[in-house]
Amino acid sequence: MSYSMGIASVFVLSSLFLSPLAMAEESQTFVAQNVSRATAFEEHQSDMTAKASEATQAPQASSVQSRAQAEKDS
């Protein structure tokens, strides 16, 4: 009997201590932090995509210019 009361009291106490964490997902502060993190992540991704496309386009542009120059010279 005391063992089952101990288990029940552990369950009740843990639910009381963990309930604020469960409610944190619904708080306005939590939502605002998630929105700001998502915005920062999207900006970082767009910056990285732009840098990657610039890096791949720069060699292509120079090769196009060198081809045009070679055609012009011949």
C-alpha atoms as a PDB file:
ATOM      1  CA  MET A   1       0.000   0.000   0.000  1.00  0.00           C
ATOM      2  CA  SER A   2       2.754   2.467   0.854  1.00  0.00           C
ATOM      3  CA  TYR A   3       4.564   1.570  -2.384  1.00  0.00           C
ATOM      4  CA  SER A   4       1.528   2.453  -4.507  1.00  0.00           C
ATOM      5  CA  MET A   5       1.048   5.684  -2.523  1.00  0.00           C
ATOM      6  CA  GLY A   6       4.699   6.537  -3.204  1.00  0.00           C
ATOM      7  CA  ILE A   7       4.247   5.934  -6.925  1.00  0.00           C
ATOM      8  CA  ALA A   8       1.064   8.003  -6.964  1.00  0.00           C
ATOM      9  CA  SER A   9       2.708  10.861  -5.084  1.00  0.00           C
ATOM     10  CA  VAL A  10       5.692  10.844  -7.476  1.00  0.00           C
ATOM     11  CA  PHE A  11       3.304  11.005 -10.399  1.00  0.00           C
ATOM     12  CA  VAL A  12       1.331  13.898  -8.879  1.00  0.00           C
ATOM     13  CA  LEU A  13       4.433  15.863  -7.941  1.00  0.00           C
ATOM     14  CA  SER A  14       6.091  15.363 -11.320  1.00  0.00           C
ATOM     15  CA  SER A  15       2.950  16.505 -13.110  1.00  0.00           C
ATOM     16  CA  LEU A  16       2.823  19.610 -10.919  1.00  0.00           C
ATOM     17  CA  PHE A  17       6.457  20.452 -11.598  1.00  0.00           C
ATOM     18  CA  LEU A  18       6.288  19.756 -15.326  1.00  0.00           C
ATOM     19  CA  SER A  19       2.982  21.473 -16.078  1.00  0.00           C
ATOM     20  CA  PRO A  20       4.591  24.951 -16.502  1.00  0.00           C
ATOM     21  CA  LEU A  21       6.860  23.482 -19.158  1.00  0.00           C
ATOM     22  CA  ALA A  22       3.892  22.051 -21.010  1.00  0.00           C
ATOM     23  CA  MET A  23       2.100  25.379 -20.867  1.00  0.00           C
ATOM     24  CA  ALA A  24       5.188  27.245 -22.113  1.00  0.00           C
ATOM     25  CA  GLU A  25       4.414  26.177 -25.672  1.00  0.00           C
ATOM     26  CA  GLU A  26       1.230  28.206 -25.541  1.00  0.00           C
ATOM     27  CA  SER A  27       2.678  31.370 -23.999  1.00  0.00           C
ATOM     28  CA  GLN A  28       3.097  34.495 -26.108  1.00  0.00           C
ATOM     29  CA  THR A  29       6.774  34.761 -25.171  1.00  0.00           C
ATOM     30  CA  PHE A  30       7.443  31.250 -26.393  1.00  0.00           C
ATOM     31  CA  VAL A  31       5.626  31.922 -29.665  1.00  0.00           C
ATOM     32  CA  ALA A  32       7.517  35.191 -30.194  1.00  0.00           C
ATOM     33  CA  GLN A  33      10.865  33.503 -29.593  1.00  0.00           C
ATOM     34  CA  ASN A  34      10.024  30.765 -32.070  1.00  0.00           C
ATOM     35  CA  VAL A  35       9.015  33.333 -34.689  1.00  0.00           C
ATOM     36  CA  SER A  36      12.248  35.277 -34.238  1.00  0.00           C
ATOM     37  CA  ARG A  37      14.311  32.096 -34.468  1.00  0.00           C
ATOM     38  CA  ALA A  38      12.488  31.025 -37.620  1.00  0.00           C
ATOM     39  CA  THR A  39      13.014  34.455 -39.190  1.00  0.00           C
ATOM     40  CA  ALA A  40      16.719  34.447 -38.361  1.00  0.00           C
ATOM     41  CA  PHE A  41      17.062  30.930 -39.772  1.00  0.00           C
ATOM     42  CA  GLU A  42      15.312  31.890 -43.021  1.00  0.00           C
ATOM     43  CA  GLU A  43      17.529  34.973 -43.412  1.00  0.00           C
ATOM     44  CA  HIS A  44      20.619  32.867 -42.838  1.00  0.00           C
ATOM     45  CA  GLN A  45      19.446  30.302 -45.390  1.00  0.00           C
ATOM     46  CA  SER A  46      18.762  32.982 -48.003  1.00  0.00           C
ATOM     47  CA  ASP A  47      22.203  34.534 -47.379  1.00  0.00           C
ATOM     48  CA  MET A  48      23.879  31.160 -47.771  1.00  0.00           C
ATOM     49  CA  THR A  49      21.902  30.435 -50.947  1.00  0.00           C
ATOM     50  CA  ALA A  50      22.856  33.822 -52.400  1.00  0.00           C
ATOM     51  CA  LYS A  51      26.530  33.273 -51.585  1.00  0.00           C
ATOM     52  CA  ALA A  52      26.457  29.802 -53.114  1.00  0.00           C
ATOM     53  CA  SER A  53      24.795  31.049 -56.294  1.00  0.00           C
ATOM     54  CA  GLU A  54      27.309  33.911 -56.556  1.00  0.00           C
ATOM     55  CA  ALA A  55      30.158  31.463 -56.142  1.00  0.00           C
ATOM     56  CA  THR A  56      28.847  29.225 -58.920  1.00  0.00           C
ATOM     57  CA  GLN A  57      27.922  32.096 -61.255  1.00  0.00           C
ATOM     58  CA  ALA A  58      31.226  33.946 -60.979  1.00  0.00           C
ATOM     59  CA  PRO A  59      33.304  31.207 -62.679  1.00  0.00           C
ATOM     60  CA  GLN A  60      30.586  30.727 -65.304  1.00  0.00           C
ATOM     61  CA  ALA A  61      30.561  34.435 -66.115  1.00  0.00           C
ATOM     62  CA  SER A  62      34.319  34.540 -66.550  1.00  0.00           C
ATOM     63  CA  SER A  63      34.262  31.475 -68.806  1.00  0.00           C
ATOM     64  CA  VAL A  64      31.532  33.057 -70.941  1.00  0.00           C
ATOM     65  CA  GLN A  65      33.601  36.218 -71.238  1.00  0.00           C
ATOM     66  CA  SER A  66      36.713  34.233 -72.162  1.00  0.00           C
ATOM     67  CA  ARG A  67      34.762  32.324 -74.820  1.00  0.00           C
ATOM     68  CA  ALA A  68      33.442  35.558 -76.249  1.00  0.00           C
ATOM     69  CA  GLN A  69      36.965  36.998 -76.289  1.00  0.00           C
ATOM     70  CA  ALA A  70      38.307  33.850 -77.971  1.00  0.00           C
ATOM     71  CA  GLU A  71      35.627  34.008 -80.645  1.00  0.00           C
ATOM     72  CA  LYS A  72      36.329  37.677 -81.156  1.00  0.00           C
ATOM     73  CA  ASP A  73      40.076  37.042 -81.584  1.00  0.00           C
ATOM     74  CA  SER A  74      39.615  34.255 -84.120  1.00  0.00           C
END
